[in-house]
């Protein structure tokens, strides 16, 4: 079964949609439109990876995937716990914290998934495999020269592998059929 089909199967099942499904129920969001996705890309001046585009336009507008799930676009999609959509979260990360003059968040880095506890998953859009990193602000130290980089930990060498790893964890949670 193709990757999108396997993800779709989990996305519509409230018990499997996210790693945090036990804390739900979380709503299912219908896919966004190509027009809304293009507007989000324009607002962020970035092209989303093909796989992420397909997830948002063919599976759902966020609310499924690792952690609390992929963050959606606009009011009709999933948001993080601060009620921010994908565009707002990325603008926040690009701006950085107040009083931090040495903050550097590359325009090629796209925050796309909420892990919980202020942690987010980011994908590098200008690298061919689209590696995924966990952004964990608890890793930042005051004396750090590059706080944004210090908070990053590589999770997977590609977006596809990141999602395959999530699906493997999801299968372990699936109750056996009788």
Protein backbone atom coordinates (compact mmCIF):
# COMPACT_ATOMS: atom_id res chain seq x y z
CA UNK A 1 0.00 0.00 0.00
CA UNK A 2 1.32 3.45 -0.92
CA UNK A 3 2.54 5.80 1.81
CA UNK A 4 -0.31 8.32 1.35
CA UNK A 5 -2.90 5.54 1.55
CA UNK A 6 -1.39 4.18 4.78
CA UNK A 7 -1.28 7.65 6.30
CA UNK A 8 -4.86 8.35 5.19
CA UNK A 9 -6.02 5.14 6.88
CA UNK A 10 -4.51 6.33 10.18
CA UNK A 11 -5.62 9.95 9.78
CA UNK A 12 -9.31 9.06 9.70
CA UNK A 13 -9.05 6.74 12.73
CA UNK A 14 -9.27 8.81 15.93
CA UNK A 15 -7.31 6.12 17.81
CA UNK A 16 -4.40 6.23 15.37
CA UNK A 17 -4.40 9.76 13.93
CA UNK A 18 -1.64 11.07 16.22
CA UNK A 19 0.79 9.80 18.83
CA UNK A 20 -1.34 11.69 21.35
CA UNK A 21 -4.66 10.13 20.31
CA UNK A 22 -5.21 8.90 23.88
CA UNK A 23 -5.57 12.55 24.93
CA UNK A 24 -8.23 13.24 22.26
CA UNK A 25 -10.54 12.92 20.59
CA UNK A 26 -9.10 15.27 18.00
CA UNK A 27 -11.11 16.35 14.97
CA UNK A 28 -10.39 15.22 11.43
CA UNK A 29 -9.75 18.11 9.04
CA UNK A 30 -10.69 17.85 5.39
CA UNK A 31 -7.83 18.45 2.93
CA UNK A 32 -6.99 22.04 2.10
CA UNK A 33 -7.18 23.37 -1.43
CA UNK A 34 -4.26 23.95 -3.79
CA UNK A 35 -5.18 27.65 -3.72
CA UNK A 36 -4.91 27.90 0.09
CA UNK A 37 -1.67 25.95 0.05
CA UNK A 38 -0.21 28.23 -2.64
CA UNK A 39 -1.18 31.30 -0.59
CA UNK A 40 0.58 29.83 2.48
CA UNK A 41 3.69 29.16 0.40
CA UNK A 42 3.59 32.73 -0.93
CA UNK A 43 3.19 34.20 2.57
CA UNK A 44 6.25 32.23 3.71
CA UNK A 45 8.19 32.60 0.44
CA UNK A 46 8.89 28.87 0.33
CA UNK A 47 7.83 25.82 -1.68
CA UNK A 48 6.64 23.01 0.54
CA UNK A 49 8.08 19.54 -0.07
CA UNK A 50 5.96 17.50 -2.50
CA UNK A 51 5.05 14.92 0.15
CA UNK A 52 3.82 17.60 2.57
CA UNK A 53 1.80 19.23 -0.23
CA UNK A 54 0.18 15.86 -0.98
CA UNK A 55 -0.60 15.24 2.70
CA UNK A 56 -2.28 18.63 3.14
CA UNK A 57 -4.26 18.51 -0.13
CA UNK A 58 -5.06 14.79 -0.37
CA UNK A 59 -5.18 13.44 3.20
CA UNK A 60 -6.19 16.25 5.54
CA UNK A 61 -5.41 19.81 6.59
CA UNK A 62 -3.30 18.63 9.51
CA UNK A 63 -4.32 16.92 12.73
CA UNK A 64 -2.62 13.59 11.98
CA UNK A 65 0.93 12.35 12.28
CA UNK A 66 3.68 12.33 14.91
CA UNK A 67 3.16 14.08 18.24
CA UNK A 68 -0.03 16.12 18.10
CA UNK A 69 0.10 16.02 14.33
CA UNK A 70 0.82 18.04 11.26
CA UNK A 71 -0.18 21.68 11.55
CA UNK A 72 -2.79 22.81 9.04
CA UNK A 73 -3.26 25.93 6.98
CA UNK A 74 -5.73 28.62 8.00
CA UNK A 75 -8.86 28.43 10.13
CA UNK A 76 -10.00 25.16 8.52
CA UNK A 77 -6.93 23.20 9.63
CA UNK A 78 -5.26 21.85 12.74
CA UNK A 79 -3.42 24.35 14.98
CA UNK A 80 -0.80 24.04 17.70
CA UNK A 81 -1.70 24.54 21.37
CA UNK A 82 -1.35 28.33 20.96
CA UNK A 83 -4.01 28.20 18.22
CA UNK A 84 -1.49 28.99 15.48
CA UNK A 85 -1.70 27.60 11.99
CA UNK A 86 1.30 26.60 9.89
CA UNK A 87 1.95 30.13 8.60
CA UNK A 88 1.77 31.72 12.07
CA UNK A 89 4.06 29.09 13.63
CA UNK A 90 6.67 29.64 10.93
CA UNK A 91 6.54 33.41 11.27
CA UNK A 92 7.03 32.99 15.04
CA UNK A 93 10.08 30.77 14.53
CA UNK A 94 11.59 33.10 11.95
CA UNK A 95 11.14 36.08 14.29
CA UNK A 96 12.62 34.24 17.26
CA UNK A 97 12.27 35.10 20.91
CA UNK A 98 12.34 38.69 22.11
CA UNK A 99 15.72 39.95 23.29
CA UNK A 100 17.62 37.40 21.22
CA UNK A 101 19.72 39.27 18.68
CA UNK A 102 21.62 36.16 17.52
CA UNK A 103 18.55 34.14 16.48
CA UNK A 104 18.82 32.63 13.00
CA UNK A 105 16.01 30.57 11.48
CA UNK A 106 16.69 29.88 7.79
CA UNK A 107 13.90 30.60 5.32
CA UNK A 108 14.43 27.07 3.98
CA UNK A 109 13.32 25.52 7.30
CA UNK A 110 9.58 24.85 7.55
CA UNK A 111 7.95 24.01 10.86
CA UNK A 112 5.15 21.58 9.97
CA UNK A 113 4.26 19.34 12.92
CA UNK A 114 3.57 19.98 16.63
CA UNK A 115 5.28 17.63 19.07
CA UNK A 116 3.86 19.13 22.26
CA UNK A 117 5.53 21.07 25.12
CA UNK A 118 6.76 23.83 22.73
CA UNK A 119 8.55 21.23 20.55
CA UNK A 120 8.03 21.24 16.79
CA UNK A 121 9.20 19.16 13.85
CA UNK A 122 10.80 21.08 10.99
CA UNK A 123 11.72 20.05 7.47
CA UNK A 124 14.55 21.47 5.40
CA UNK A 125 12.85 22.35 2.12
CA UNK A 126 15.95 23.15 0.05
CA UNK A 127 17.65 19.79 0.63
CA UNK A 128 16.77 16.97 -1.76
CA UNK A 129 15.68 14.41 0.86
CA UNK A 130 13.96 16.99 3.08
CA UNK A 131 15.52 15.95 6.41
CA UNK A 132 13.38 16.42 9.51
CA UNK A 133 14.56 17.96 12.79
CA UNK A 134 13.01 18.25 16.23
CA UNK A 135 13.07 21.82 17.53
CA UNK A 136 13.21 21.60 21.33
CA UNK A 137 13.65 25.00 23.00
CA UNK A 138 14.66 23.35 26.29
CA UNK A 139 18.03 22.62 24.60
CA UNK A 140 18.84 26.35 24.29
CA UNK A 141 21.40 27.71 26.74
CA UNK A 142 21.94 31.41 27.48
CA UNK A 143 25.57 31.38 26.40
CA UNK A 144 24.78 29.83 23.04
CA UNK A 145 25.97 31.64 19.90
CA UNK A 146 23.28 30.10 17.69
CA UNK A 147 20.26 29.26 19.84
CA UNK A 148 18.02 28.08 16.99
CA UNK A 149 20.59 25.53 15.82
CA UNK A 150 21.30 24.40 19.38
CA UNK A 151 17.63 23.54 19.78
CA UNK A 152 17.62 21.24 16.74
CA UNK A 153 18.07 17.48 16.77
CA UNK A 154 17.92 15.47 13.55
CA UNK A 155 14.99 13.04 13.63
CA UNK A 156 15.10 11.50 10.17
CA UNK A 157 17.14 11.83 6.99
CA UNK A 158 13.94 12.43 5.00
CA UNK A 159 10.32 13.46 5.44
CA UNK A 160 9.27 10.10 4.02
CA UNK A 161 11.35 8.18 6.60
CA UNK A 162 10.01 10.42 9.38
CA UNK A 163 6.45 9.46 8.42
CA UNK A 164 7.36 5.78 7.94
CA UNK A 165 8.76 5.75 11.49
CA UNK A 166 5.50 7.24 12.77
CA UNK A 167 3.48 4.59 10.92
CA UNK A 168 5.65 1.86 12.51
CA UNK A 169 4.86 3.26 15.98
CA UNK A 170 1.20 3.47 15.01
CA UNK A 171 1.10 -0.22 14.06
CA UNK A 172 2.38 -1.09 17.54
CA UNK A 173 -0.64 0.74 19.03
CA UNK A 174 -3.16 -0.97 16.75
CA UNK A 175 -5.26 -3.47 18.72
CA UNK A 176 -5.30 -6.97 17.25
CA UNK A 177 -8.36 -7.96 15.28
CA UNK A 178 -10.40 -10.91 16.49
